[in-house]
PDB file of N, CA and C in Angstrom:
ATOM      1  N   MET A   1    -216.648 -24.560 117.808  1.00  0.00           N
ATOM      2  CA  MET A   1    -215.992 -23.504 117.081  1.00  0.00           C
ATOM      3  C   MET A   1    -215.106 -24.107 115.988  1.00  0.00           C
ATOM      4  N   ALA A   2    -215.227 -23.613 114.760  1.00  0.00           N
ATOM      5  CA  ALA A   2    -214.467 -24.145 113.641  1.00  0.00           C
ATOM      6  C   ALA A   2    -213.004 -23.722 113.743  1.00  0.00           C
ATOM      7  N   GLN A   3    -212.121 -24.649 113.383  1.00  0.00           N
ATOM      8  CA  GLN A   3    -210.695 -24.336 113.409  1.00  0.00           C
ATOM      9  C   GLN A   3    -210.306 -23.643 112.106  1.00  0.00           C
ATOM     10  N   GLN A   4    -209.375 -22.690 112.226  1.00  0.00           N
ATOM     11  CA  GLN A   4    -208.863 -22.016 111.048  1.00  0.00           C
ATOM     12  C   GLN A   4    -207.734 -22.846 110.462  1.00  0.00           C
ATOM     13  N   PRO A   5    -207.590 -22.829 109.127  1.00  0.00           N
ATOM     14  CA  PRO A   5    -206.467 -23.548 108.525  1.00  0.00           C
ATOM     15  C   PRO A   5    -205.141 -22.990 109.030  1.00  0.00           C
ATOM     16  N   VAL A   6    -204.124 -23.849 109.074  1.00  0.00           N
ATOM     17  CA  VAL A   6    -202.803 -23.434 109.535  1.00  0.00           C
ATOM     18  C   VAL A   6    -202.302 -22.296 108.658  1.00  0.00           C
ATOM     19  N   GLY A   7    -201.735 -21.262 109.273  1.00  0.00           N
ATOM     20  CA  GLY A   7    -201.193 -20.127 108.544  1.00  0.00           C
ATOM     21  C   GLY A   7    -202.210 -19.060 108.210  1.00  0.00           C
ATOM     22  N   SER A   8    -203.477 -19.279 108.545  1.00  0.00           N
ATOM     23  CA  SER A   8    -204.493 -18.289 108.193  1.00  0.00           C
ATOM     24  C   SER A   8    -204.792 -17.333 109.338  1.00  0.00           C
ATOM     25  N   GLN A   9    -204.150 -17.546 110.473  1.00  0.00           N
ATOM     26  CA  GLN A   9    -204.407 -16.672 111.606  1.00  0.00           C
ATOM     27  C   GLN A   9    -203.732 -15.334 111.405  1.00  0.00           C
ATOM     28  N   LYS A  10    -204.406 -14.275 111.814  1.00  0.00           N
ATOM     29  CA  LYS A  10    -203.837 -12.940 111.715  1.00  0.00           C
ATOM     30  C   LYS A  10    -202.758 -12.786 112.774  1.00  0.00           C
ATOM     31  N   PRO A  11    -201.651 -12.094 112.418  1.00  0.00           N
ATOM     32  CA  PRO A  11    -200.619 -11.866 113.432  1.00  0.00           C
ATOM     33  C   PRO A  11    -201.134 -10.939 114.518  1.00  0.00           C
ATOM     34  N   GLN A  12    -200.621 -11.101 115.713  1.00  0.00           N
ATOM     35  CA  GLN A  12    -201.035 -10.239 116.807  1.00  0.00           C
ATOM     36  C   GLN A  12    -200.472  -8.845 116.589  1.00  0.00           C
ATOM     37  N   ILE A  13    -201.230  -7.862 116.988  1.00  0.00           N
ATOM     38  CA  ILE A  13    -200.795  -6.477 116.849  1.00  0.00           C
ATOM     39  C   ILE A  13    -199.878  -6.140 118.010  1.00  0.00           C
ATOM     40  N   ALA A  14    -198.631  -5.772 117.693  1.00  0.00           N
ATOM     41  CA  ALA A  14    -197.659  -5.424 118.729  1.00  0.00           C
ATOM     42  C   ALA A  14    -197.842  -3.986 119.162  1.00  0.00           C
ATOM     43  N   GLU A  15    -198.130  -3.114 118.205  1.00  0.00           N
ATOM     44  CA  GLU A  15    -198.322  -1.704 118.517  1.00  0.00           C
ATOM     45  C   GLU A  15    -199.097  -1.063 117.375  1.00  0.00           C
ATOM     46  N   ARG A  16    -200.013  -0.215 117.707  1.00  0.00           N
ATOM     47  CA  ARG A  16    -200.784   0.509 116.693  1.00  0.00           C
ATOM     48  C   ARG A  16    -200.345   1.966 116.737  1.00  0.00           C
ATOM     49  N   ILE A  17    -199.990   2.512 115.558  1.00  0.00           N
ATOM     50  CA  ILE A  17    -199.566   3.905 115.488  1.00  0.00           C
ATOM     51  C   ILE A  17    -200.329   4.610 114.370  1.00  0.00           C
ATOM     52  N   THR A  18    -200.341   5.909 114.421  1.00  0.00           N
ATOM     53  CA  THR A  18    -200.906   6.726 113.352  1.00  0.00           C
ATOM     54  C   THR A  18    -199.791   7.619 112.839  1.00  0.00           C
ATOM     55  N   VAL A  19    -199.631   7.669 111.542  1.00  0.00           N
ATOM     56  CA  VAL A  19    -198.578   8.496 110.964  1.00  0.00           C
ATOM     57  C   VAL A  19    -199.158   9.406 109.888  1.00  0.00           C
ATOM     58  N   ALA A  20    -198.529  10.547 109.705  1.00  0.00           N
ATOM     59  CA  ALA A  20    -198.879  11.464 108.618  1.00  0.00           C
ATOM     60  C   ALA A  20    -197.876  11.236 107.492  1.00  0.00           C
ATOM     61  N   LEU A  21    -198.360  10.862 106.325  1.00  0.00           N
ATOM     62  CA  LEU A  21    -197.486  10.607 105.189  1.00  0.00           C
ATOM     63  C   LEU A  21    -197.305  11.877 104.365  1.00  0.00           C
ATOM     64  N   THR A  22    -196.095  12.057 103.861  1.00  0.00           N
ATOM     65  CA  THR A  22    -195.876  13.126 102.896  1.00  0.00           C
ATOM     66  C   THR A  22    -196.559  12.723 101.592  1.00  0.00           C
ATOM     67  N   ASN A  23    -196.722  13.652 100.682  1.00  0.00           N
ATOM     68  CA  ASN A  23    -197.330  13.316  99.390  1.00  0.00           C
ATOM     69  C   ASN A  23    -196.518  12.255  98.662  1.00  0.00           C
ATOM     70  N   LYS A  24    -195.177  12.370  98.715  1.00  0.00           N
ATOM     71  CA  LYS A  24    -194.318  11.386  98.059  1.00  0.00           C
ATOM     72  C   LYS A  24    -194.504  10.003  98.680  1.00  0.00           C
ATOM     73  N   SER A  25    -194.572   9.927 100.009  1.00  0.00           N
ATOM     74  CA  SER A  25    -194.776   8.641 100.681  1.00  0.00           C
ATOM     75  C   SER A  25    -196.150   8.070 100.365  1.00  0.00           C
ATOM     76  N   LYS A  26    -197.139   8.920 100.291  1.00  0.00           N
ATOM     77  CA  LYS A  26    -198.495   8.478  99.944  1.00  0.00           C
ATOM     78  C   LYS A  26    -198.510   7.882  98.536  1.00  0.00           C
ATOM     79  N   GLU A  27    -197.832   8.546  97.615  1.00  0.00           N
ATOM     80  CA  GLU A  27    -197.759   8.039  96.238  1.00  0.00           C
ATOM     81  C   GLU A  27    -196.983   6.719  96.193  1.00  0.00           C
ATOM     82  N   SER A  28    -195.902   6.634  96.964  1.00  0.00           N
ATOM     83  CA  SER A  28    -195.109   5.402  97.006  1.00  0.00           C
ATOM     84  C   SER A  28    -195.930   4.244  97.557  1.00  0.00           C
ATOM     85  N   LEU A  29    -196.685   4.509  98.611  1.00  0.00           N
ATOM     86  CA  LEU A  29    -197.540   3.470  99.189  1.00  0.00           C
ATOM     87  C   LEU A  29    -198.568   3.001  98.170  1.00  0.00           C
ATOM     88  N   GLN A  30    -199.172   3.934  97.451  1.00  0.00           N
ATOM     89  CA  GLN A  30    -200.165   3.558  96.445  1.00  0.00           C
ATOM     90  C   GLN A  30    -199.526   2.751  95.322  1.00  0.00           C
ATOM     91  N   THR A  31    -198.307   3.116  94.930  1.00  0.00           N
ATOM     92  CA  THR A  31    -197.590   2.363  93.895  1.00  0.00           C
ATOM     93  C   THR A  31    -197.341   0.935  94.355  1.00  0.00           C
ATOM     94  N   ILE A  32    -196.906   0.781  95.614  1.00  0.00           N
ATOM     95  CA  ILE A  32    -196.675  -0.567  96.163  1.00  0.00           C
ATOM     96  C   ILE A  32    -197.970  -1.367  96.140  1.00  0.00           C
ATOM     97  N   LEU A  33    -199.059  -0.752  96.565  1.00  0.00           N
ATOM     98  CA  LEU A  33    -200.342  -1.451  96.599  1.00  0.00           C
ATOM     99  C   LEU A  33    -200.770  -1.871  95.198  1.00  0.00           C
ATOM    100  N   ASP A  34    -200.551  -0.996  94.218  1.00  0.00           N
ATOM    101  CA  ASP A  34    -200.951  -1.297  92.844  1.00  0.00           C
ATOM    102  C   ASP A  34    -200.059  -2.353  92.205  1.00  0.00           C
ATOM    103  N   GLU A  35    -198.733  -2.181  92.335  1.00  0.00           N
ATOM    104  CA  GLU A  35    -197.801  -3.070  91.654  1.00  0.00           C
ATOM    105  C   GLU A  35    -197.708  -4.445  92.298  1.00  0.00           C
ATOM    106  N   GLU A  36    -197.867  -4.510  93.599  1.00  0.00           N
ATOM    107  CA  GLU A  36    -197.779  -5.792  94.297  1.00  0.00           C
ATOM    108  C   GLU A  36    -199.149  -6.457  94.404  1.00  0.00           C
ATOM    109  N   ASP A  37    -200.150  -5.817  93.824  1.00  0.00           N
ATOM    110  CA  ASP A  37    -201.525  -6.330  93.888  1.00  0.00           C
ATOM    111  C   ASP A  37    -201.939  -6.575  95.334  1.00  0.00           C
ATOM    112  N   MET A  38    -201.589  -5.612  96.195  1.00  0.00           N
ATOM    113  CA  MET A  38    -201.922  -5.696  97.613  1.00  0.00           C
ATOM    114  C   MET A  38    -203.091  -4.766  97.897  1.00  0.00           C
ATOM    115  N   THR A  39    -203.888  -5.116  98.877  1.00  0.00           N
ATOM    116  CA  THR A  39    -204.998  -4.253  99.264  1.00  0.00           C
ATOM    117  C   THR A  39    -204.860  -3.768 100.697  1.00  0.00           C
ATOM    118  N   ASN A  40    -203.875  -4.277 101.415  1.00  0.00           N
ATOM    119  CA  ASN A  40    -203.743  -3.986 102.826  1.00  0.00           C
ATOM    120  C   ASN A  40    -202.565  -3.047 103.065  1.00  0.00           C
ATOM    121  N   LYS A  41    -202.856  -1.804 103.431  1.00  0.00           N
ATOM    122  CA  LYS A  41    -201.797  -0.816 103.675  1.00  0.00           C
ATOM    123  C   LYS A  41    -200.903  -1.227 104.829  1.00  0.00           C
ATOM    124  N   THR A  42    -201.474  -1.826 105.858  1.00  0.00           N
ATOM    125  CA  THR A  42    -200.684  -2.241 107.018  1.00  0.00           C
ATOM    126  C   THR A  42    -199.626  -3.253 106.613  1.00  0.00           C
ATOM    127  N   ASP A  43    -200.006  -4.254 105.822  1.00  0.00           N
ATOM    128  CA  ASP A  43    -199.036  -5.255 105.370  1.00  0.00           C
ATOM    129  C   ASP A  43    -197.948  -4.625 104.514  1.00  0.00           C
ATOM    130  N   ALA A  44    -198.322  -3.678 103.648  1.00  0.00           N
ATOM    131  CA  ALA A  44    -197.340  -3.015 102.790  1.00  0.00           C
ATOM    132  C   ALA A  44    -196.338  -2.221 103.624  1.00  0.00           C
ATOM    133  N   VAL A  45    -196.821  -1.496 104.624  1.00  0.00           N
ATOM    134  CA  VAL A  45    -195.934  -0.704 105.478  1.00  0.00           C
ATOM    135  C   VAL A  45    -195.050  -1.631 106.313  1.00  0.00           C
ATOM    136  N   ASN A  46    -195.619  -2.677 106.900  1.00  0.00           N
ATOM    137  CA  ASN A  46    -194.825  -3.627 107.691  1.00  0.00           C
ATOM    138  C   ASN A  46    -193.727  -4.263 106.842  1.00  0.00           C
ATOM    139  N   ARG A  47    -194.067  -4.670 105.643  1.00  0.00           N
ATOM    140  CA  ARG A  47    -193.086  -5.290 104.751  1.00  0.00           C
ATOM    141  C   ARG A  47    -191.963  -4.301 104.413  1.00  0.00           C
ATOM    142  N   SER A  48    -192.339  -3.057 104.148  1.00  0.00           N
ATOM    143  CA  SER A  48    -191.346  -2.024 103.823  1.00  0.00           C
ATOM    144  C   SER A  48    -190.415  -1.750 105.008  1.00  0.00           C
ATOM    145  N   LEU A  49    -190.973  -1.667 106.204  1.00  0.00           N
ATOM    146  CA  LEU A  49    -190.153  -1.432 107.391  1.00  0.00           C
ATOM    147  C   LEU A  49    -189.199  -2.592 107.638  1.00  0.00           C
ATOM    148  N   ASN A  50    -189.670  -3.812 107.454  1.00  0.00           N
ATOM    149  CA  ASN A  50    -188.810  -4.984 107.647  1.00  0.00           C
ATOM    150  C   ASN A  50    -187.685  -5.027 106.620  1.00  0.00           C
ATOM    151  N   MET A  51    -187.980  -4.644 105.377  1.00  0.00           N
ATOM    152  CA  MET A  51    -186.938  -4.602 104.351  1.00  0.00           C
ATOM    153  C   MET A  51    -185.895  -3.547 104.698  1.00  0.00           C
ATOM    154  N   ARG A  52    -186.335  -2.370 105.122  1.00  0.00           N
ATOM    155  CA  ARG A  52    -185.394  -1.306 105.487  1.00  0.00           C
ATOM    156  C   ARG A  52    -184.516  -1.752 106.654  1.00  0.00           C
ATOM    157  N   ALA A  53    -185.104  -2.377 107.659  1.00  0.00           N
ATOM    158  CA  ALA A  53    -184.327  -2.855 108.805  1.00  0.00           C
ATOM    159  C   ALA A  53    -183.302  -3.899 108.364  1.00  0.00           C
ATOM    160  N   PHE A  54    -183.688  -4.777 107.464  1.00  0.00           N
ATOM    161  CA  PHE A  54    -182.783  -5.805 106.944  1.00  0.00           C
ATOM    162  C   PHE A  54    -181.579  -5.158 106.278  1.00  0.00           C
ATOM    163  N   PHE A  55    -181.820  -4.179 105.409  1.00  0.00           N
ATOM    164  CA  PHE A  55    -180.725  -3.526 104.696  1.00  0.00           C
ATOM    165  C   PHE A  55    -179.873  -2.676 105.629  1.00  0.00           C
ATOM    166  N   LEU A  56    -180.496  -1.956 106.547  1.00  0.00           N
ATOM    167  CA  LEU A  56    -179.734  -1.119 107.482  1.00  0.00           C
ATOM    168  C   LEU A  56    -178.838  -1.952 108.383  1.00  0.00           C
ATOM    169  N   ALA A  57    -179.297  -3.135 108.767  1.00  0.00           N
ATOM    170  CA  ALA A  57    -178.501  -4.009 109.633  1.00  0.00           C
ATOM    171  C   ALA A  57    -177.220  -4.458 108.928  1.00  0.00           C
ATOM    172  N   ARG A  58    -177.209  -4.408 107.607  1.00  0.00           N
ATOM    173  CA  ARG A  58    -176.054  -4.863 106.844  1.00  0.00           C
ATOM    174  C   ARG A  58    -175.318  -3.715 106.159  1.00  0.00           C
ATOM    175  N   ALA A  59    -175.777  -2.503 106.356  1.00  0.00           N
ATOM    176  CA  ALA A  59    -175.261  -1.352 105.611  1.00  0.00           C
ATOM    177  C   ALA A  59    -173.779  -1.109 105.842  1.00  0.00           C
ATOM    178  N   GLY A  60    -173.274  -1.368 107.041  1.00  0.00           N
ATOM    179  CA  GLY A  60    -171.869  -1.106 107.321  1.00  0.00           C
ATOM    180  C   GLY A  60    -170.924  -2.074 106.644  1.00  0.00           C
ATOM    181  N   GLU A  61    -171.371  -3.288 106.368  1.00  0.00           N
ATOM    182  CA  GLU A  61    -170.504  -4.321 105.830  1.00  0.00           C
ATOM    183  C   GLU A  61    -170.796  -4.652 104.365  1.00  0.00           C
ATOM    184  N   TRP A  62    -171.961  -4.271 103.897  1.00  0.00           N
ATOM    185  CA  TRP A  62    -172.405  -4.683 102.576  1.00  0.00           C
ATOM    186  C   TRP A  62    -172.735  -3.466 101.725  1.00  0.00           C
ATOM    187  N   GLU A  63    -172.716  -3.663 100.409  1.00  0.00           N
ATOM    188  CA  GLU A  63    -173.226  -2.688  99.464  1.00  0.00           C
ATOM    189  C   GLU A  63    -174.426  -3.309  98.781  1.00  0.00           C
ATOM    190  N   LEU A  64    -175.427  -2.505  98.542  1.00  0.00           N
ATOM    191  CA  LEU A  64    -176.570  -2.977  97.768  1.00  0.00           C
ATOM    192  C   LEU A  64    -176.400  -2.443  96.355  1.00  0.00           C
ATOM    193  N   VAL A  65    -176.237  -3.353  95.413  1.00  0.00           N
ATOM    194  CA  VAL A  65    -176.046  -2.969  94.020  1.00  0.00           C
ATOM    195  C   VAL A  65    -177.247  -3.469  93.229  1.00  0.00           C
ATOM    196  N   LEU A  66    -177.894  -2.555  92.536  1.00  0.00           N
ATOM    197  CA  LEU A  66    -179.011  -2.908  91.665  1.00  0.00           C
ATOM    198  C   LEU A  66    -178.495  -2.952  90.240  1.00  0.00           C
ATOM    199  N   ARG A  67    -178.854  -3.999  89.521  1.00  0.00           N
ATOM    200  CA  ARG A  67    -178.412  -4.146  88.132  1.00  0.00           C
ATOM    201  C   ARG A  67    -179.611  -4.286  87.215  1.00  0.00           C
ATOM    202  N   ASN A  68    -179.617  -3.475  86.168  1.00  0.00           N
ATOM    203  CA  ASN A  68    -180.658  -3.549  85.155  1.00  0.00           C
ATOM    204  C   ASN A  68    -180.406  -4.791  84.307  1.00  0.00           C
ATOM    205  N   ARG A  69    -181.345  -5.712  84.307  1.00  0.00           N
ATOM    206  CA  ARG A  69    -181.154  -6.970  83.574  1.00  0.00           C
ATOM    207  C   ARG A  69    -181.033  -6.744  82.071  1.00  0.00           C
ATOM    208  N   ALA A  70    -181.726  -5.739  81.575  1.00  0.00           N
ATOM    209  CA  ALA A  70    -181.744  -5.503  80.133  1.00  0.00           C
ATOM    210  C   ALA A  70    -180.419  -4.962  79.609  1.00  0.00           C
ATOM    211  N   ASN A  71    -179.824  -3.982  80.316  1.00  0.00           N
ATOM    212  CA  ASN A  71    -178.627  -3.345  79.769  1.00  0.00           C
ATOM    213  C   ASN A  71    -177.384  -3.471  80.660  1.00  0.00           C
ATOM    214  N   GLY A  72    -177.511  -4.091  81.827  1.00  0.00           N
ATOM    215  CA  GLY A  72    -176.368  -4.295  82.707  1.00  0.00           C
ATOM    216  C   GLY A  72    -175.972  -3.086  83.534  1.00  0.00           C
ATOM    217  N   GLU A  73    -176.663  -1.972  83.372  1.00  0.00           N
ATOM    218  CA  GLU A  73    -176.360  -0.768  84.144  1.00  0.00           C
ATOM    219  C   GLU A  73    -176.545  -1.059  85.631  1.00  0.00           C
ATOM    220  N   THR A  74    -175.622  -0.545  86.461  1.00  0.00           N
ATOM    221  CA  THR A  74    -175.710  -0.788  87.897  1.00  0.00           C
ATOM    222  C   THR A  74    -175.787   0.519  88.669  1.00  0.00           C
ATOM    223  N   HIS A  75    -176.383   0.434  89.844  1.00  0.00           N
ATOM    224  CA  HIS A  75    -176.471   1.554  90.784  1.00  0.00           C
ATOM    225  C   HIS A  75    -176.197   1.018  92.176  1.00  0.00           C
ATOM    226  N   VAL A  76    -175.377   1.734  92.930  1.00  0.00           N
ATOM    227  CA  VAL A  76    -175.140   1.390  94.330  1.00  0.00           C
ATOM    228  C   VAL A  76    -176.136   2.197  95.169  1.00  0.00           C
ATOM    229  N   VAL A  77    -176.834   1.507  96.070  1.00  0.00           N
ATOM    230  CA  VAL A  77    -177.827   2.152  96.913  1.00  0.00           C
ATOM    231  C   VAL A  77    -177.209   2.420  98.279  1.00  0.00           C
ATOM    232  N   HIS A  78    -177.303   3.661  98.731  1.00  0.00           N
ATOM    233  CA  HIS A  78    -176.802   4.055 100.056  1.00  0.00           C
ATOM    234  C   HIS A  78    -177.983   4.371 100.940  1.00  0.00           C
ATOM    235  N   PHE A  79    -178.000   3.817 102.145  1.00  0.00           N
ATOM    236  CA  PHE A  79    -179.073   4.098 103.101  1.00  0.00           C
ATOM    237  C   PHE A  79    -178.583   5.159 104.073  1.00  0.00           C
ATOM    238  N   LEU A  80    -179.391   6.167 104.267  1.00  0.00           N
ATOM    239  CA  LEU A  80    -179.033   7.271 105.172  1.00  0.00           C
ATOM    240  C   LEU A  80    -179.763   7.145 106.480  1.00  0.00           C
TER     241      LEU A  80
END
């Protein structure tokens, strides 16, 4: 049996779920797939969930500030 290169193994599936997306979520997922040049919806959703968990874990102590590089305009992001 041929060995796979290091890092090429698929991660084990911890849990499989089925979800109904709203139209807005469906459009957002498609935008992520298009802009990130991704073809795998599962990876896009997993990445999004991990990012949300990262920010929520710090929400009480930190502020997320987005700054427009072109004009310096800033926005504070609040997670609900």
